[in-house]
Amino acid sequence: MNKLIAVLLSLLMCASAFAAVDVNTGTQAELEQLKGIGPDLSQRLVDERAKAPFVDWDDLMKRVPGVKKRLALRLSEQGLTVSGRGYADPAR
C-alpha cells in the first residue's frame, strides 16, 4: 500500500511539473519558465498577442521573429500550446 501511495505522489508531482501554458493566456513569467523563452522572446509574444490572439502555430511563427519549427517543437514538448493545441510539424 505504501508503494502505491508513493507512486501516486510521484505521478502527481510529475504532472504539476509539466503544466501546460497557452501562449494566448499565459503570463510573461509563465512563458519564461519554458526553456527557450527568455525575457526578450516572452515580451515579443505578449506584445504580439495584444494585437490579436494567435490562431495557431503557423500564425505565431509568422508574427514572432525567432520562433521557427525547431523552437516550436521544443516549446510544445514542454507544454506550450496555441489555442489549446501543441505543435505538430507537418514534415513529420
C-alpha atoms as a PDB file:
ATOM      1  CA  MET A   1       0.000   0.000   0.000  1.00  0.00           C
ATOM      2  CA  ASN A   2       2.840   2.389   0.830  1.00  0.00           C
ATOM      3  CA  LYS A   3       4.422   1.750  -2.577  1.00  0.00           C
ATOM      4  CA  LEU A   4       1.151   2.574  -4.298  1.00  0.00           C
ATOM      5  CA  ILE A   5       0.875   5.855  -2.415  1.00  0.00           C
ATOM      6  CA  ALA A   6       4.491   6.713  -3.268  1.00  0.00           C
ATOM      7  CA  VAL A   7       3.883   6.022  -6.962  1.00  0.00           C
ATOM      8  CA  LEU A   8       0.728   8.139  -6.995  1.00  0.00           C
ATOM      9  CA  LEU A   9       2.512  11.029  -5.288  1.00  0.00           C
ATOM     10  CA  SER A  10       5.367  10.789  -7.802  1.00  0.00           C
ATOM     11  CA  LEU A  11       2.933  10.904 -10.705  1.00  0.00           C
ATOM     12  CA  LEU A  12       1.167  13.886  -9.196  1.00  0.00           C
ATOM     13  CA  MET A  13       4.441  15.789  -8.812  1.00  0.00           C
ATOM     14  CA  CYS A  14       5.449  14.984 -12.403  1.00  0.00           C
ATOM     15  CA  ALA A  15       2.108  16.201 -13.717  1.00  0.00           C
ATOM     16  CA  SER A  16       2.415  19.503 -11.903  1.00  0.00           C
ATOM     17  CA  ALA A  17       5.944  19.981 -13.258  1.00  0.00           C
ATOM     18  CA  PHE A  18       4.584  19.575 -16.798  1.00  0.00           C
ATOM     19  CA  ALA A  19       1.875  22.190 -16.636  1.00  0.00           C
ATOM     20  CA  ALA A  20       0.551  23.341 -19.981  1.00  0.00           C
ATOM     21  CA  VAL A  21       0.779  27.039 -20.764  1.00  0.00           C
ATOM     22  CA  ASP A  22      -1.191  28.579 -23.597  1.00  0.00           C
ATOM     23  CA  VAL A  23       0.644  31.378 -25.392  1.00  0.00           C
ATOM     24  CA  ASN A  24      -2.593  33.385 -25.626  1.00  0.00           C
ATOM     25  CA  THR A  25      -3.324  33.348 -21.892  1.00  0.00           C
ATOM     26  CA  GLY A  26      -0.065  32.635 -20.063  1.00  0.00           C
ATOM     27  CA  THR A  27       1.649  35.394 -18.146  1.00  0.00           C
ATOM     28  CA  GLN A  28       5.078  36.606 -19.135  1.00  0.00           C
ATOM     29  CA  ALA A  29       6.502  34.838 -16.066  1.00  0.00           C
ATOM     30  CA  GLU A  30       4.790  31.552 -17.022  1.00  0.00           C
ATOM     31  CA  LEU A  31       6.155  31.779 -20.556  1.00  0.00           C
ATOM     32  CA  GLU A  32       9.670  32.395 -19.224  1.00  0.00           C
ATOM     33  CA  GLN A  33       9.512  29.159 -17.230  1.00  0.00           C
ATOM     34  CA  LEU A  34       9.927  27.277 -20.520  1.00  0.00           C
ATOM     35  CA  LYS A  35      13.450  26.588 -21.744  1.00  0.00           C
ATOM     36  CA  GLY A  36      13.976  28.626 -24.871  1.00  0.00           C
ATOM     37  CA  ILE A  37      11.854  31.590 -23.791  1.00  0.00           C
ATOM     38  CA  GLY A  38      13.729  34.419 -22.143  1.00  0.00           C
ATOM     39  CA  PRO A  39      12.633  37.953 -21.298  1.00  0.00           C
ATOM     40  CA  ASP A  40      13.032  39.240 -24.878  1.00  0.00           C
ATOM     41  CA  LEU A  41      11.017  36.470 -26.532  1.00  0.00           C
ATOM     42  CA  SER A  42       8.337  36.477 -23.847  1.00  0.00           C
ATOM     43  CA  GLN A  43       7.923  40.229 -24.332  1.00  0.00           C
ATOM     44  CA  ARG A  44       7.595  39.785 -28.116  1.00  0.00           C
ATOM     45  CA  LEU A  45       4.968  37.085 -27.573  1.00  0.00           C
ATOM     46  CA  VAL A  46       2.964  39.221 -25.138  1.00  0.00           C
ATOM     47  CA  ASP A  47       3.210  42.317 -27.346  1.00  0.00           C
ATOM     48  CA  GLU A  48       2.126  40.457 -30.469  1.00  0.00           C
ATOM     49  CA  ARG A  49      -0.802  38.663 -28.834  1.00  0.00           C
ATOM     50  CA  ALA A  50      -2.032  42.031 -27.526  1.00  0.00           C
ATOM     51  CA  LYS A  51      -2.633  42.984 -31.172  1.00  0.00           C
ATOM     52  CA  ALA A  52      -4.631  39.794 -31.781  1.00  0.00           C
ATOM     53  CA  PRO A  53      -4.626  36.309 -30.252  1.00  0.00           C
ATOM     54  CA  PHE A  54      -2.569  33.710 -32.083  1.00  0.00           C
ATOM     55  CA  VAL A  55      -4.794  31.494 -34.205  1.00  0.00           C
ATOM     56  CA  ASP A  56      -2.377  28.570 -34.481  1.00  0.00           C
ATOM     57  CA  TRP A  57       1.338  27.740 -34.511  1.00  0.00           C
ATOM     58  CA  ASP A  58       1.777  28.918 -38.103  1.00  0.00           C
ATOM     59  CA  ASP A  59       0.305  32.292 -37.158  1.00  0.00           C
ATOM     60  CA  LEU A  60       2.663  32.537 -34.173  1.00  0.00           C
ATOM     61  CA  MET A  61       5.723  31.623 -36.269  1.00  0.00           C
ATOM     62  CA  LYS A  62       4.824  34.210 -38.915  1.00  0.00           C
ATOM     63  CA  ARG A  63       4.263  37.027 -36.429  1.00  0.00           C
ATOM     64  CA  VAL A  64       7.030  36.462 -33.852  1.00  0.00           C
ATOM     65  CA  PRO A  65      10.627  36.700 -35.066  1.00  0.00           C
ATOM     66  CA  GLY A  66      12.822  33.923 -33.712  1.00  0.00           C
ATOM     67  CA  VAL A  67      10.134  31.252 -33.452  1.00  0.00           C
ATOM     68  CA  LYS A  68      10.664  28.617 -36.121  1.00  0.00           C
ATOM     69  CA  LYS A  69       9.745  24.927 -36.395  1.00  0.00           C
ATOM     70  CA  ARG A  70      12.580  23.650 -34.207  1.00  0.00           C
ATOM     71  CA  LEU A  71      11.815  26.007 -31.311  1.00  0.00           C
ATOM     72  CA  ALA A  72       8.074  25.465 -31.733  1.00  0.00           C
ATOM     73  CA  LEU A  73       8.590  21.718 -31.346  1.00  0.00           C
ATOM     74  CA  ARG A  74      10.796  22.140 -28.253  1.00  0.00           C
ATOM     75  CA  LEU A  75       8.322  24.520 -26.617  1.00  0.00           C
ATOM     76  CA  SER A  76       5.373  22.296 -27.446  1.00  0.00           C
ATOM     77  CA  GLU A  77       7.150  19.316 -25.886  1.00  0.00           C
ATOM     78  CA  GLN A  78       7.414  21.361 -22.680  1.00  0.00           C
ATOM     79  CA  GLY A  79       3.674  22.043 -22.665  1.00  0.00           C
ATOM     80  CA  LEU A  80       3.275  25.282 -24.621  1.00  0.00           C
ATOM     81  CA  THR A  81       0.079  25.388 -26.645  1.00  0.00           C
ATOM     82  CA  VAL A  82      -1.531  27.808 -29.072  1.00  0.00           C
ATOM     83  CA  SER A  83      -5.290  27.905 -28.611  1.00  0.00           C
ATOM     84  CA  GLY A  84      -5.016  24.660 -26.662  1.00  0.00           C
ATOM     85  CA  ARG A  85      -3.037  22.769 -29.307  1.00  0.00           C
ATOM     86  CA  GLY A  86       0.529  21.556 -29.337  1.00  0.00           C
ATOM     87  CA  TYR A  87       2.795  21.975 -32.344  1.00  0.00           C
ATOM     88  CA  ALA A  88       2.573  19.288 -35.000  1.00  0.00           C
ATOM     89  CA  ASP A  89       5.325  19.542 -37.606  1.00  0.00           C
ATOM     90  CA  PRO A  90       3.713  18.757 -40.978  1.00  0.00           C
ATOM     91  CA  ALA A  91       7.050  17.341 -42.198  1.00  0.00           C
ATOM     92  CA  ARG A  92       6.912  14.544 -39.615  1.00  0.00           C
END
